[in-house]
């Protein structure tokens, strides 16, 4: 089979490797679509483990099942979660499933950017989600990223009375805007340095937009009747966005770092000021099964518009184009790779 091996953002190599063999407790999935995540092109995060096969937003159908598998059958259309928690450790029992060491270390083989993936027992048990008949493979690739959004907003307690300020309007930012609007948040403000993506933010539900190349705090106060934001979600690792978040949170507010800067970038938190104003600084990471189930439900009911977020779909041999677009987005948003499109040109 063919796999796409990641060396760096400019060096993605299509290589041939043996098709995985499964055991009695595993399944083999033919990958029909896999989205490129922003984290896939975050080199400080990916280069230490390269070369490797990336891809964690994979959908496809089950081509082989082990003899002990009774829950699924050949031909089932599925989304596969690349990470699953143990549901037994202290962190899982306290609701921090994405801090679980099992979740941090599990993964299917070799990765979503391959023609087939072998799904081991632990993921078969709690990380396989059947796609409804009205959901395409391509739309199903949003289950994981939307699950991360669901988790982030739940942890940050985003509610309809908040002024929600979203910094960065890539995939995550646009999904945050859509979910917040669906949940009835009445004042959603988005900022970015990319005019194309600011237009998309407005299209997908932001009530106001701010050019991040200007004085963000001043613009925010002007839009928000002199006040700063109750909840801020940082969806970019840019240092300036992180610094802007610290200056734009209102008293009693919360900053959620959904994305983070490289570890070499140090951000100084004005802790004394935050102490006096009861400001919360927090993070969220990934998605737990509860978040993925909610995401699947939202997508099944067509409550989140993901179809119009897709700007490019590439066959496997053009994956390098996809990575270059995600790394330098300009006028693009969601990029989908279809590893078996050449064999199944009608796949959607």
C-alpha atoms as a PDB file:
ATOM      1  CA  UNK A   1       0.000   0.000   0.000  1.00  0.00           C
ATOM      2  CA  UNK A   2       0.988   3.655  -0.270  1.00  0.00           C
ATOM      3  CA  UNK A   3       1.674   5.984   2.637  1.00  0.00           C
ATOM      4  CA  UNK A   4       2.655   9.650   2.835  1.00  0.00           C
ATOM      5  CA  UNK A   5       5.737  10.043   5.012  1.00  0.00           C
ATOM      6  CA  UNK A   6       6.203  13.444   6.644  1.00  0.00           C
ATOM      7  CA  UNK A   7       9.763  14.787   6.881  1.00  0.00           C
ATOM      8  CA  UNK A   8       8.828  18.462   7.094  1.00  0.00           C
ATOM      9  CA  UNK A   9       6.171  20.765   5.666  1.00  0.00           C
ATOM     10  CA  UNK A  10       7.968  20.920   2.324  1.00  0.00           C
ATOM     11  CA  UNK A  11       8.975  17.276   2.152  1.00  0.00           C
ATOM     12  CA  UNK A  12       6.115  14.749   2.051  1.00  0.00           C
ATOM     13  CA  UNK A  13       7.081  11.503   0.311  1.00  0.00           C
ATOM     14  CA  UNK A  14       4.724   8.890  -1.092  1.00  0.00           C
ATOM     15  CA  UNK A  15       6.240   5.511  -0.282  1.00  0.00           C
ATOM     16  CA  UNK A  16       5.172   1.896  -0.609  1.00  0.00           C
ATOM     17  CA  UNK A  17       5.009  -0.272   2.522  1.00  0.00           C
ATOM     18  CA  UNK A  18       3.441  -3.659   3.286  1.00  0.00           C
ATOM     19  CA  UNK A  19      -0.304  -3.637   3.858  1.00  0.00           C
ATOM     20  CA  UNK A  20      -0.885  -4.166   7.609  1.00  0.00           C
ATOM     21  CA  UNK A  21      -1.937  -7.571   8.853  1.00  0.00           C
ATOM     22  CA  UNK A  22      -4.488  -7.670  11.653  1.00  0.00           C
ATOM     23  CA  UNK A  23      -4.963 -10.054  14.544  1.00  0.00           C
ATOM     24  CA  UNK A  24      -8.170 -11.518  15.958  1.00  0.00           C
ATOM     25  CA  UNK A  25      -9.077  -8.361  17.898  1.00  0.00           C
ATOM     26  CA  UNK A  26      -8.311  -5.767  15.226  1.00  0.00           C
ATOM     27  CA  UNK A  27      -9.871  -4.291  12.108  1.00  0.00           C
ATOM     28  CA  UNK A  28      -8.405  -3.009   8.847  1.00  0.00           C
ATOM     29  CA  UNK A  29      -9.885   0.193   7.436  1.00  0.00           C
ATOM     30  CA  UNK A  30      -9.473   1.439   3.879  1.00  0.00           C
ATOM     31  CA  UNK A  31      -9.009   5.190   4.246  1.00  0.00           C
ATOM     32  CA  UNK A  32     -11.273   7.238   2.001  1.00  0.00           C
ATOM     33  CA  UNK A  33     -10.645  10.724   3.425  1.00  0.00           C
ATOM     34  CA  UNK A  34      -8.414  12.407   5.973  1.00  0.00           C
ATOM     35  CA  UNK A  35      -8.198  16.101   6.780  1.00  0.00           C
ATOM     36  CA  UNK A  36      -4.934  17.957   7.288  1.00  0.00           C
ATOM     37  CA  UNK A  37      -4.966  19.472  10.763  1.00  0.00           C
ATOM     38  CA  UNK A  38      -3.160  22.685  11.613  1.00  0.00           C
ATOM     39  CA  UNK A  39      -1.107  20.659  14.085  1.00  0.00           C
ATOM     40  CA  UNK A  40       0.128  18.522  11.180  1.00  0.00           C
ATOM     41  CA  UNK A  41       2.064  21.519   9.837  1.00  0.00           C
ATOM     42  CA  UNK A  42       3.261  22.810  13.206  1.00  0.00           C
ATOM     43  CA  UNK A  43       6.899  21.915  12.732  1.00  0.00           C
ATOM     44  CA  UNK A  44       8.083  22.441  16.310  1.00  0.00           C
ATOM     45  CA  UNK A  45       5.482  19.825  17.271  1.00  0.00           C
ATOM     46  CA  UNK A  46       6.034  17.373  14.407  1.00  0.00           C
ATOM     47  CA  UNK A  47       9.714  17.475  13.465  1.00  0.00           C
ATOM     48  CA  UNK A  48      11.002  15.733  16.619  1.00  0.00           C
ATOM     49  CA  UNK A  49       9.088  12.566  15.644  1.00  0.00           C
ATOM     50  CA  UNK A  50       9.677  12.718  11.883  1.00  0.00           C
ATOM     51  CA  UNK A  51       9.871  10.912   9.562  1.00  0.00           C
ATOM     52  CA  UNK A  52       6.429   9.491  10.245  1.00  0.00           C
ATOM     53  CA  UNK A  53       2.968   9.028   8.751  1.00  0.00           C
ATOM     54  CA  UNK A  54       0.633  11.709  10.067  1.00  0.00           C
ATOM     55  CA  UNK A  55      -3.141  12.039   9.780  1.00  0.00           C
ATOM     56  CA  UNK A  56      -5.677  11.731  12.603  1.00  0.00           C
ATOM     57  CA  UNK A  57      -8.973  12.743  10.994  1.00  0.00           C
ATOM     58  CA  UNK A  58      -9.492   9.575   8.981  1.00  0.00           C
ATOM     59  CA  UNK A  59     -12.712   8.053   7.688  1.00  0.00           C
ATOM     60  CA  UNK A  60     -13.162   4.964   5.553  1.00  0.00           C
ATOM     61  CA  UNK A  61     -14.754   1.552   5.517  1.00  0.00           C
ATOM     62  CA  UNK A  62     -13.861  -1.681   7.215  1.00  0.00           C
ATOM     63  CA  UNK A  63     -12.224  -4.076   4.766  1.00  0.00           C
ATOM     64  CA  UNK A  64     -11.145  -6.825   7.160  1.00  0.00           C
ATOM     65  CA  UNK A  65     -12.186  -7.849  10.677  1.00  0.00           C
ATOM     66  CA  UNK A  66     -10.521 -10.136  13.181  1.00  0.00           C
ATOM     67  CA  UNK A  67     -12.311 -13.326  14.185  1.00  0.00           C
ATOM     68  CA  UNK A  68     -13.158 -11.935  17.630  1.00  0.00           C
ATOM     69  CA  UNK A  69     -14.861  -8.808  16.287  1.00  0.00           C
ATOM     70  CA  UNK A  70     -18.651  -8.862  16.742  1.00  0.00           C
ATOM     71  CA  UNK A  71     -19.536  -5.169  16.994  1.00  0.00           C
ATOM     72  CA  UNK A  72     -18.586  -4.269  13.428  1.00  0.00           C
ATOM     73  CA  UNK A  73     -18.764  -5.899  10.032  1.00  0.00           C
ATOM     74  CA  UNK A  74     -16.978  -5.654   6.713  1.00  0.00           C
ATOM     75  CA  UNK A  75     -18.286  -2.689   4.776  1.00  0.00           C
ATOM     76  CA  UNK A  76     -19.177  -0.504   7.763  1.00  0.00           C
ATOM     77  CA  UNK A  77     -18.405   3.147   7.079  1.00  0.00           C
ATOM     78  CA  UNK A  78     -16.501   4.563  10.053  1.00  0.00           C
ATOM     79  CA  UNK A  79     -14.521   7.356  11.635  1.00  0.00           C
ATOM     80  CA  UNK A  80     -11.582   6.152  13.717  1.00  0.00           C
ATOM     81  CA  UNK A  81     -10.319   8.088  16.739  1.00  0.00           C
ATOM     82  CA  UNK A  82      -6.530   7.968  16.823  1.00  0.00           C
ATOM     83  CA  UNK A  83      -6.349   8.432  20.610  1.00  0.00           C
ATOM     84  CA  UNK A  84      -8.503   6.784  23.274  1.00  0.00           C
ATOM     85  CA  UNK A  85      -8.389   7.084  27.073  1.00  0.00           C
ATOM     86  CA  UNK A  86      -8.174   4.163  29.462  1.00  0.00           C
ATOM     87  CA  UNK A  87     -11.257   5.321  31.444  1.00  0.00           C
ATOM     88  CA  UNK A  88      -9.657   3.883  34.588  1.00  0.00           C
ATOM     89  CA  UNK A  89      -6.843   6.189  35.674  1.00  0.00           C
ATOM     90  CA  UNK A  90      -7.113   9.081  38.110  1.00  0.00           C
ATOM     91  CA  UNK A  91      -7.294  11.619  35.291  1.00  0.00           C
ATOM     92  CA  UNK A  92     -10.085   9.850  33.430  1.00  0.00           C
ATOM     93  CA  UNK A  93     -12.069   9.397  36.640  1.00  0.00           C
ATOM     94  CA  UNK A  94     -11.767  13.131  37.315  1.00  0.00           C
ATOM     95  CA  UNK A  95     -12.994  14.024  33.825  1.00  0.00           C
ATOM     96  CA  UNK A  96      -9.584  14.850  32.357  1.00  0.00           C
ATOM     97  CA  UNK A  97      -9.637  12.090  29.736  1.00  0.00           C
ATOM     98  CA  UNK A  98      -7.305  13.909  27.381  1.00  0.00           C
ATOM     99  CA  UNK A  99      -4.636  14.067  30.084  1.00  0.00           C
ATOM    100  CA  UNK A 100      -4.671  10.251  30.241  1.00  0.00           C
ATOM    101  CA  UNK A 101      -1.330   8.617  29.459  1.00  0.00           C
ATOM    102  CA  UNK A 102      -3.091   5.921  27.433  1.00  0.00           C
ATOM    103  CA  UNK A 103      -4.696   8.587  25.250  1.00  0.00           C
ATOM    104  CA  UNK A 104      -1.309  10.246  24.791  1.00  0.00           C
ATOM    105  CA  UNK A 105       0.355   7.028  23.654  1.00  0.00           C
ATOM    106  CA  UNK A 106      -2.267   5.163  21.590  1.00  0.00           C
ATOM    107  CA  UNK A 107      -2.524   5.557  17.837  1.00  0.00           C
ATOM    108  CA  UNK A 108      -3.648   3.535  14.869  1.00  0.00           C
ATOM    109  CA  UNK A 109      -1.049   2.302  12.392  1.00  0.00           C
ATOM    110  CA  UNK A 110       0.519   3.822  10.405  1.00  0.00           C
ATOM    111  CA  UNK A 111      -1.555   7.034  10.282  1.00  0.00           C
ATOM    112  CA  UNK A 112      -4.464   8.599   8.418  1.00  0.00           C
ATOM    113  CA  UNK A 113      -2.361   9.575   5.413  1.00  0.00           C
ATOM    114  CA  UNK A 114      -2.157   5.996   4.175  1.00  0.00           C
ATOM    115  CA  UNK A 115      -4.373   3.762   2.081  1.00  0.00           C
ATOM    116  CA  UNK A 116      -5.086   1.437   5.008  1.00  0.00           C
ATOM    117  CA  UNK A 117      -4.920   1.684   8.778  1.00  0.00           C
ATOM    118  CA  UNK A 118      -4.716  -1.127  11.293  1.00  0.00           C
ATOM    119  CA  UNK A 119      -6.938  -0.412  14.284  1.00  0.00           C
ATOM    120  CA  UNK A 120      -5.802  -2.172  17.429  1.00  0.00           C
ATOM    121  CA  UNK A 121      -7.998  -3.675  20.129  1.00  0.00           C
ATOM    122  CA  UNK A 122      -8.153  -0.724  22.502  1.00  0.00           C
ATOM    123  CA  UNK A 123      -9.277   1.629  19.719  1.00  0.00           C
ATOM    124  CA  UNK A 124     -11.751  -0.919  18.334  1.00  0.00           C
ATOM    125  CA  UNK A 125     -13.265  -1.027  21.823  1.00  0.00           C
ATOM    126  CA  UNK A 126     -13.872   2.690  22.286  1.00  0.00           C
ATOM    127  CA  UNK A 127     -12.658   4.673  19.282  1.00  0.00           C
ATOM    128  CA  UNK A 128     -14.674   3.492  16.278  1.00  0.00           C
ATOM    129  CA  UNK A 129     -17.742   5.509  15.245  1.00  0.00           C
ATOM    130  CA  UNK A 130     -20.109   4.415  12.504  1.00  0.00           C
ATOM    131  CA  UNK A 131     -20.964   7.103   9.980  1.00  0.00           C
ATOM    132  CA  UNK A 132     -24.678   7.673   9.360  1.00  0.00           C
ATOM    133  CA  UNK A 133     -25.894   7.099   5.824  1.00  0.00           C
ATOM    134  CA  UNK A 134     -26.341  10.837   5.220  1.00  0.00           C
ATOM    135  CA  UNK A 135     -22.736  11.686   6.062  1.00  0.00           C
ATOM    136  CA  UNK A 136     -20.004  11.579   3.440  1.00  0.00           C
ATOM    137  CA  UNK A 137     -16.505  10.376   4.193  1.00  0.00           C
ATOM    138  CA  UNK A 138     -15.281  13.923   3.663  1.00  0.00           C
ATOM    139  CA  UNK A 139     -17.737  15.486   6.108  1.00  0.00           C
ATOM    140  CA  UNK A 140     -16.897  12.741   8.589  1.00  0.00           C
ATOM    141  CA  UNK A 141     -13.319  13.991   8.804  1.00  0.00           C
ATOM    142  CA  UNK A 142     -14.678  16.884  10.900  1.00  0.00           C
ATOM    143  CA  UNK A 143     -15.753  14.619  13.768  1.00  0.00           C
ATOM    144  CA  UNK A 144     -12.369  14.884  15.481  1.00  0.00           C
ATOM    145  CA  UNK A 145     -11.724  18.631  15.033  1.00  0.00           C
ATOM    146  CA  UNK A 146     -15.279  19.516  16.025  1.00  0.00           C
ATOM    147  CA  UNK A 147     -14.960  17.207  19.041  1.00  0.00           C
ATOM    148  CA  UNK A 148     -11.976  19.281  20.164  1.00  0.00           C
ATOM    149  CA  UNK A 149     -14.093  22.441  19.818  1.00  0.00           C
ATOM    150  CA  UNK A 150     -16.913  20.907  21.845  1.00  0.00           C
ATOM    151  CA  UNK A 151     -14.494  20.034  24.626  1.00  0.00           C
ATOM    152  CA  UNK A 152     -12.838  23.445  24.668  1.00  0.00           C
ATOM    153  CA  UNK A 153     -16.083  25.388  24.950  1.00  0.00           C
ATOM    154  CA  UNK A 154     -17.439  23.020  27.588  1.00  0.00           C
ATOM    155  CA  UNK A 155     -14.316  23.367  29.736  1.00  0.00           C
ATOM    156  CA  UNK A 156     -14.355  27.146  29.344  1.00  0.00           C
ATOM    157  CA  UNK A 157     -18.088  27.265  30.202  1.00  0.00           C
ATOM    158  CA  UNK A 158     -18.932  29.383  27.174  1.00  0.00           C
ATOM    159  CA  UNK A 159     -22.546  30.569  27.495  1.00  0.00           C
ATOM    160  CA  UNK A 160     -25.036  32.725  25.653  1.00  0.00           C
ATOM    161  CA  UNK A 161     -24.436  35.808  27.799  1.00  0.00           C
ATOM    162  CA  UNK A 162     -20.704  35.939  27.067  1.00  0.00           C
ATOM    163  CA  UNK A 163     -18.892  38.275  24.792  1.00  0.00           C
ATOM    164  CA  UNK A 164     -16.760  35.663  23.061  1.00  0.00           C
ATOM    165  CA  UNK A 165     -13.555  36.823  21.380  1.00  0.00           C
ATOM    166  CA  UNK A 166     -11.839  34.359  19.035  1.00  0.00           C
ATOM    167  CA  UNK A 167      -8.258  35.026  18.000  1.00  0.00           C
ATOM    168  CA  UNK A 168      -7.424  33.180  14.772  1.00  0.00           C
ATOM    169  CA  UNK A 169     -10.042  32.189  12.217  1.00  0.00           C
ATOM    170  CA  UNK A 170      -8.620  29.072  10.647  1.00  0.00           C
ATOM    171  CA  UNK A 171     -10.450  25.756  10.939  1.00  0.00           C
ATOM    172  CA  UNK A 172     -10.597  25.836  14.727  1.00  0.00           C
ATOM    173  CA  UNK A 173     -11.674  29.457  14.882  1.00  0.00           C
ATOM    174  CA  UNK A 174     -14.461  28.981  12.338  1.00  0.00           C
ATOM    175  CA  UNK A 175     -15.715  25.856  14.127  1.00  0.00           C
ATOM    176  CA  UNK A 176     -15.666  27.743  17.438  1.00  0.00           C
ATOM    177  CA  UNK A 177     -17.702  30.518  15.836  1.00  0.00           C
ATOM    178  CA  UNK A 178     -20.266  28.078  14.461  1.00  0.00           C
ATOM    179  CA  UNK A 179     -20.653  26.128  17.704  1.00  0.00           C
ATOM    180  CA  UNK A 180     -20.938  29.284  19.791  1.00  0.00           C
ATOM    181  CA  UNK A 181     -23.592  30.666  17.482  1.00  0.00           C
ATOM    182  CA  UNK A 182     -25.481  27.380  17.611  1.00  0.00           C
ATOM    183  CA  UNK A 183     -25.402  27.539  21.416  1.00  0.00           C
ATOM    184  CA  UNK A 184     -26.926  31.003  21.352  1.00  0.00           C
ATOM    185  CA  UNK A 185     -23.902  33.192  22.160  1.00  0.00           C
ATOM    186  CA  UNK A 186     -25.118  36.652  21.247  1.00  0.00           C
ATOM    187  CA  UNK A 187     -21.838  38.504  20.812  1.00  0.00           C
ATOM    188  CA  UNK A 188     -19.108  36.684  18.894  1.00  0.00           C
ATOM    189  CA  UNK A 189     -16.101  38.723  17.806  1.00  0.00           C
ATOM    190  CA  UNK A 190     -13.246  37.308  15.721  1.00  0.00           C
ATOM    191  CA  UNK A 191      -9.793  38.630  14.873  1.00  0.00           C
ATOM    192  CA  UNK A 192      -7.200  37.580  12.301  1.00  0.00           C
ATOM    193  CA  UNK A 193      -4.466  39.065  10.135  1.00  0.00           C
ATOM    194  CA  UNK A 194      -5.804  37.300   7.024  1.00  0.00           C
ATOM    195  CA  UNK A 195      -8.564  39.306   5.257  1.00  0.00           C
ATOM    196  CA  UNK A 196      -9.841  36.196   3.461  1.00  0.00           C
ATOM    197  CA  UNK A 197     -10.350  34.356   6.711  1.00  0.00           C
ATOM    198  CA  UNK A 198     -11.958  37.379   8.347  1.00  0.00           C
ATOM    199  CA  UNK A 199     -14.576  37.310   5.590  1.00  0.00           C
ATOM    200  CA  UNK A 200     -15.127  33.626   6.323  1.00  0.00           C
ATOM    201  CA  UNK A 201     -15.525  34.391  10.025  1.00  0.00           C
ATOM    202  CA  UNK A 202     -18.315  36.790   9.163  1.00  0.00           C
ATOM    203  CA  UNK A 203     -19.867  34.310   6.748  1.00  0.00           C
ATOM    204  CA  UNK A 204     -19.950  31.548   9.352  1.00  0.00           C
ATOM    205  CA  UNK A 205     -21.514  33.600  12.104  1.00  0.00           C
ATOM    206  CA  UNK A 206     -19.190  36.113  13.773  1.00  0.00           C
ATOM    207  CA  UNK A 207     -21.136  39.218  14.704  1.00  0.00           C
ATOM    208  CA  UNK A 208     -18.065  41.440  14.383  1.00  0.00           C
ATOM    209  CA  UNK A 209     -14.544  41.067  13.005  1.00  0.00           C
ATOM    210  CA  UNK A 210     -11.280  42.838  13.811  1.00  0.00           C
ATOM    211  CA  UNK A 211      -8.166  43.150  11.691  1.00  0.00           C
ATOM    212  CA  UNK A 212      -5.501  41.868  14.094  1.00  0.00           C
ATOM    213  CA  UNK A 213      -2.920  44.152  12.509  1.00  0.00           C
ATOM    214  CA  UNK A 214      -4.644  47.095  14.218  1.00  0.00           C
ATOM    215  CA  UNK A 215      -5.059  48.004  17.902  1.00  0.00           C
ATOM    216  CA  UNK A 216      -7.144  44.986  18.926  1.00  0.00           C
ATOM    217  CA  UNK A 217      -7.966  46.141  22.438  1.00  0.00           C
ATOM    218  CA  UNK A 218      -9.216  49.536  21.261  1.00  0.00           C
ATOM    219  CA  UNK A 219     -11.315  47.971  18.500  1.00  0.00           C
ATOM    220  CA  UNK A 220     -12.744  45.412  20.921  1.00  0.00           C
ATOM    221  CA  UNK A 221     -13.820  48.100  23.379  1.00  0.00           C
ATOM    222  CA  UNK A 222     -15.403  50.106  20.576  1.00  0.00           C
ATOM    223  CA  UNK A 223     -17.410  47.117  19.373  1.00  0.00           C
ATOM    224  CA  UNK A 224     -18.320  45.915  22.869  1.00  0.00           C
ATOM    225  CA  UNK A 225     -19.642  49.119  24.477  1.00  0.00           C
ATOM    226  CA  UNK A 226     -16.364  49.924  26.162  1.00  0.00           C
ATOM    227  CA  UNK A 227     -15.874  46.470  27.654  1.00  0.00           C
ATOM    228  CA  UNK A 228     -13.375  43.721  27.007  1.00  0.00           C
ATOM    229  CA  UNK A 229     -14.267  40.059  26.393  1.00  0.00           C
ATOM    230  CA  UNK A 230     -15.732  37.616  28.928  1.00  0.00           C
ATOM    231  CA  UNK A 231     -14.278  34.592  27.164  1.00  0.00           C
ATOM    232  CA  UNK A 232     -11.299  34.518  24.815  1.00  0.00           C
ATOM    233  CA  UNK A 233     -10.337  31.483  22.750  1.00  0.00           C
ATOM    234  CA  UNK A 234      -6.854  31.594  21.233  1.00  0.00           C
ATOM    235  CA  UNK A 235      -6.832  29.522  18.033  1.00  0.00           C
ATOM    236  CA  UNK A 236      -3.358  30.407  16.803  1.00  0.00           C
ATOM    237  CA  UNK A 237       0.092  29.844  18.229  1.00  0.00           C
ATOM    238  CA  UNK A 238       1.274  33.277  17.140  1.00  0.00           C
ATOM    239  CA  UNK A 239       3.004  35.052  20.023  1.00  0.00           C
ATOM    240  CA  UNK A 240       1.236  38.334  19.307  1.00  0.00           C
ATOM    241  CA  UNK A 241      -2.162  36.652  19.541  1.00  0.00           C
ATOM    242  CA  UNK A 242      -1.252  35.248  22.947  1.00  0.00           C
ATOM    243  CA  UNK A 243      -0.167  38.683  24.152  1.00  0.00           C
ATOM    244  CA  UNK A 244      -3.337  40.251  22.757  1.00  0.00           C
ATOM    245  CA  UNK A 245      -5.469  37.735  24.649  1.00  0.00           C
ATOM    246  CA  UNK A 246      -3.884  38.809  27.943  1.00  0.00           C
ATOM    247  CA  UNK A 247      -4.818  42.427  27.235  1.00  0.00           C
ATOM    248  CA  UNK A 248      -8.360  41.789  26.006  1.00  0.00           C
ATOM    249  CA  UNK A 249      -9.940  39.746  28.813  1.00  0.00           C
ATOM    250  CA  UNK A 250     -12.492  41.445  31.038  1.00  0.00           C
ATOM    251  CA  UNK A 251     -12.722  41.160  34.811  1.00  0.00           C
ATOM    252  CA  UNK A 252     -13.938  37.732  35.828  1.00  0.00           C
ATOM    253  CA  UNK A 253     -13.145  36.475  32.350  1.00  0.00           C
ATOM    254  CA  UNK A 254     -11.476  33.369  30.966  1.00  0.00           C
ATOM    255  CA  UNK A 255      -8.720  32.871  28.390  1.00  0.00           C
ATOM    256  CA  UNK A 256      -8.692  29.445  26.760  1.00  0.00           C
ATOM    257  CA  UNK A 257      -5.463  28.604  24.962  1.00  0.00           C
ATOM    258  CA  UNK A 258      -6.873  26.205  22.394  1.00  0.00           C
ATOM    259  CA  UNK A 259      -3.632  26.594  20.432  1.00  0.00           C
ATOM    260  CA  UNK A 260      -0.252  27.322  21.989  1.00  0.00           C
ATOM    261  CA  UNK A 261       3.012  28.911  20.833  1.00  0.00           C
ATOM    262  CA  UNK A 262       6.268  26.972  20.408  1.00  0.00           C
ATOM    263  CA  UNK A 263       7.946  25.946  23.687  1.00  0.00           C
ATOM    264  CA  UNK A 264      10.756  28.402  23.010  1.00  0.00           C
ATOM    265  CA  UNK A 265       8.270  31.292  23.202  1.00  0.00           C
ATOM    266  CA  UNK A 266       7.734  32.510  26.746  1.00  0.00           C
ATOM    267  CA  UNK A 267       4.563  34.412  27.608  1.00  0.00           C
ATOM    268  CA  UNK A 268       4.546  36.555  30.733  1.00  0.00           C
ATOM    269  CA  UNK A 269       1.187  36.506  32.509  1.00  0.00           C
ATOM    270  CA  UNK A 270       0.316  39.683  34.478  1.00  0.00           C
ATOM    271  CA  UNK A 271      -0.551  37.543  37.468  1.00  0.00           C
ATOM    272  CA  UNK A 272      -1.058  40.377  39.964  1.00  0.00           C
ATOM    273  CA  UNK A 273      -3.570  42.108  37.720  1.00  0.00           C
ATOM    274  CA  UNK A 274      -5.301  38.831  36.959  1.00  0.00           C
ATOM    275  CA  UNK A 275      -5.379  37.992  40.689  1.00  0.00           C
ATOM    276  CA  UNK A 276      -7.226  41.198  41.491  1.00  0.00           C
ATOM    277  CA  UNK A 277      -9.741  40.621  38.705  1.00  0.00           C
ATOM    278  CA  UNK A 278     -10.344  36.877  39.124  1.00  0.00           C
ATOM    279  CA  UNK A 279      -9.232  35.991  35.610  1.00  0.00           C
ATOM    280  CA  UNK A 280      -8.861  32.360  34.585  1.00  0.00           C
ATOM    281  CA  UNK A 281      -6.169  31.153  32.169  1.00  0.00           C
ATOM    282  CA  UNK A 282      -6.684  27.593  30.934  1.00  0.00           C
ATOM    283  CA  UNK A 283      -6.009  25.110  28.148  1.00  0.00           C
ATOM    284  CA  UNK A 284      -7.832  22.294  26.419  1.00  0.00           C
ATOM    285  CA  UNK A 285      -6.362  19.419  24.467  1.00  0.00           C
ATOM    286  CA  UNK A 286      -7.917  16.981  22.032  1.00  0.00           C
ATOM    287  CA  UNK A 287     -11.272  15.284  22.421  1.00  0.00           C
ATOM    288  CA  UNK A 288     -12.591  12.537  24.675  1.00  0.00           C
ATOM    289  CA  UNK A 289     -15.235   9.988  23.618  1.00  0.00           C
ATOM    290  CA  UNK A 290     -18.009  12.133  25.114  1.00  0.00           C
ATOM    291  CA  UNK A 291     -16.891  15.044  22.931  1.00  0.00           C
ATOM    292  CA  UNK A 292     -16.641  12.918  19.788  1.00  0.00           C
ATOM    293  CA  UNK A 293     -20.135  11.521  20.322  1.00  0.00           C
ATOM    294  CA  UNK A 294     -21.533  15.029  20.674  1.00  0.00           C
ATOM    295  CA  UNK A 295     -19.623  16.125  17.575  1.00  0.00           C
ATOM    296  CA  UNK A 296     -20.973  13.184  15.589  1.00  0.00           C
ATOM    297  CA  UNK A 297     -24.496  14.098  16.661  1.00  0.00           C
ATOM    298  CA  UNK A 298     -24.100  17.729  15.606  1.00  0.00           C
ATOM    299  CA  UNK A 299     -22.752  16.727  12.203  1.00  0.00           C
ATOM    300  CA  UNK A 300     -25.410  14.048  11.704  1.00  0.00           C
ATOM    301  CA  UNK A 301     -28.100  16.654  12.322  1.00  0.00           C
ATOM    302  CA  UNK A 302     -26.353  19.117   9.973  1.00  0.00           C
ATOM    303  CA  UNK A 303     -26.203  21.730  12.736  1.00  0.00           C
ATOM    304  CA  UNK A 304     -22.641  22.713  11.828  1.00  0.00           C
ATOM    305  CA  UNK A 305     -21.865  23.683   8.239  1.00  0.00           C
ATOM    306  CA  UNK A 306     -18.655  21.864   7.393  1.00  0.00           C
ATOM    307  CA  UNK A 307     -19.301  21.324   3.708  1.00  0.00           C
ATOM    308  CA  UNK A 308     -18.688  24.982   2.884  1.00  0.00           C
ATOM    309  CA  UNK A 309     -15.496  25.006   4.925  1.00  0.00           C
ATOM    310  CA  UNK A 310     -13.795  22.614   2.516  1.00  0.00           C
ATOM    311  CA  UNK A 311     -11.807  24.578  -0.043  1.00  0.00           C
ATOM    312  CA  UNK A 312      -9.610  21.823  -1.506  1.00  0.00           C
ATOM    313  CA  UNK A 313      -9.660  18.036  -1.947  1.00  0.00           C
ATOM    314  CA  UNK A 314      -6.548  16.285  -3.225  1.00  0.00           C
ATOM    315  CA  UNK A 315      -5.784  12.734  -4.347  1.00  0.00           C
ATOM    316  CA  UNK A 316      -2.905  11.052  -2.563  1.00  0.00           C
ATOM    317  CA  UNK A 317      -0.208  11.929  -5.071  1.00  0.00           C
ATOM    318  CA  UNK A 318      -0.925  15.646  -4.549  1.00  0.00           C
ATOM    319  CA  UNK A 319      -0.700  15.618  -0.750  1.00  0.00           C
ATOM    320  CA  UNK A 320       2.323  17.944  -0.828  1.00  0.00           C
ATOM    321  CA  UNK A 321       0.104  20.646  -2.326  1.00  0.00           C
ATOM    322  CA  UNK A 322      -2.273  20.213   0.573  1.00  0.00           C
ATOM    323  CA  UNK A 323       0.445  20.569   3.194  1.00  0.00           C
ATOM    324  CA  UNK A 324       1.794  23.694   1.522  1.00  0.00           C
ATOM    325  CA  UNK A 325      -1.671  25.257   1.516  1.00  0.00           C
ATOM    326  CA  UNK A 326      -2.238  24.499   5.191  1.00  0.00           C
ATOM    327  CA  UNK A 327       1.207  25.822   6.132  1.00  0.00           C
ATOM    328  CA  UNK A 328       0.631  28.995   4.073  1.00  0.00           C
ATOM    329  CA  UNK A 329      -3.152  29.302   3.906  1.00  0.00           C
ATOM    330  CA  UNK A 330      -3.755  32.595   2.078  1.00  0.00           C
ATOM    331  CA  UNK A 331      -7.133  31.801   0.444  1.00  0.00           C
ATOM    332  CA  UNK A 332      -7.809  28.298   1.704  1.00  0.00           C
ATOM    333  CA  UNK A 333      -9.464  26.798   4.741  1.00  0.00           C
ATOM    334  CA  UNK A 334      -9.977  23.022   5.062  1.00  0.00           C
ATOM    335  CA  UNK A 335      -7.866  20.650   2.998  1.00  0.00           C
ATOM    336  CA  UNK A 336      -8.926  17.013   2.568  1.00  0.00           C
ATOM    337  CA  UNK A 337      -6.703  14.187   1.295  1.00  0.00           C
ATOM    338  CA  UNK A 338      -8.327  11.148  -0.372  1.00  0.00           C
ATOM    339  CA  UNK A 339      -5.752   8.307  -0.320  1.00  0.00           C
ATOM    340  CA  UNK A 340      -7.843   5.946  -2.437  1.00  0.00           C
ATOM    341  CA  UNK A 341      -9.439   8.453  -4.807  1.00  0.00           C
ATOM    342  CA  UNK A 342      -7.513   7.183  -7.797  1.00  0.00           C
ATOM    343  CA  UNK A 343      -9.038   3.730  -7.204  1.00  0.00           C
ATOM    344  CA  UNK A 344     -12.474   5.136  -6.288  1.00  0.00           C
ATOM    345  CA  UNK A 345     -12.823   8.436  -8.185  1.00  0.00           C
ATOM    346  CA  UNK A 346     -16.449   8.926  -7.135  1.00  0.00           C
ATOM    347  CA  UNK A 347     -15.664   9.038  -3.400  1.00  0.00           C
ATOM    348  CA  UNK A 348     -17.127  12.043  -1.606  1.00  0.00           C
END
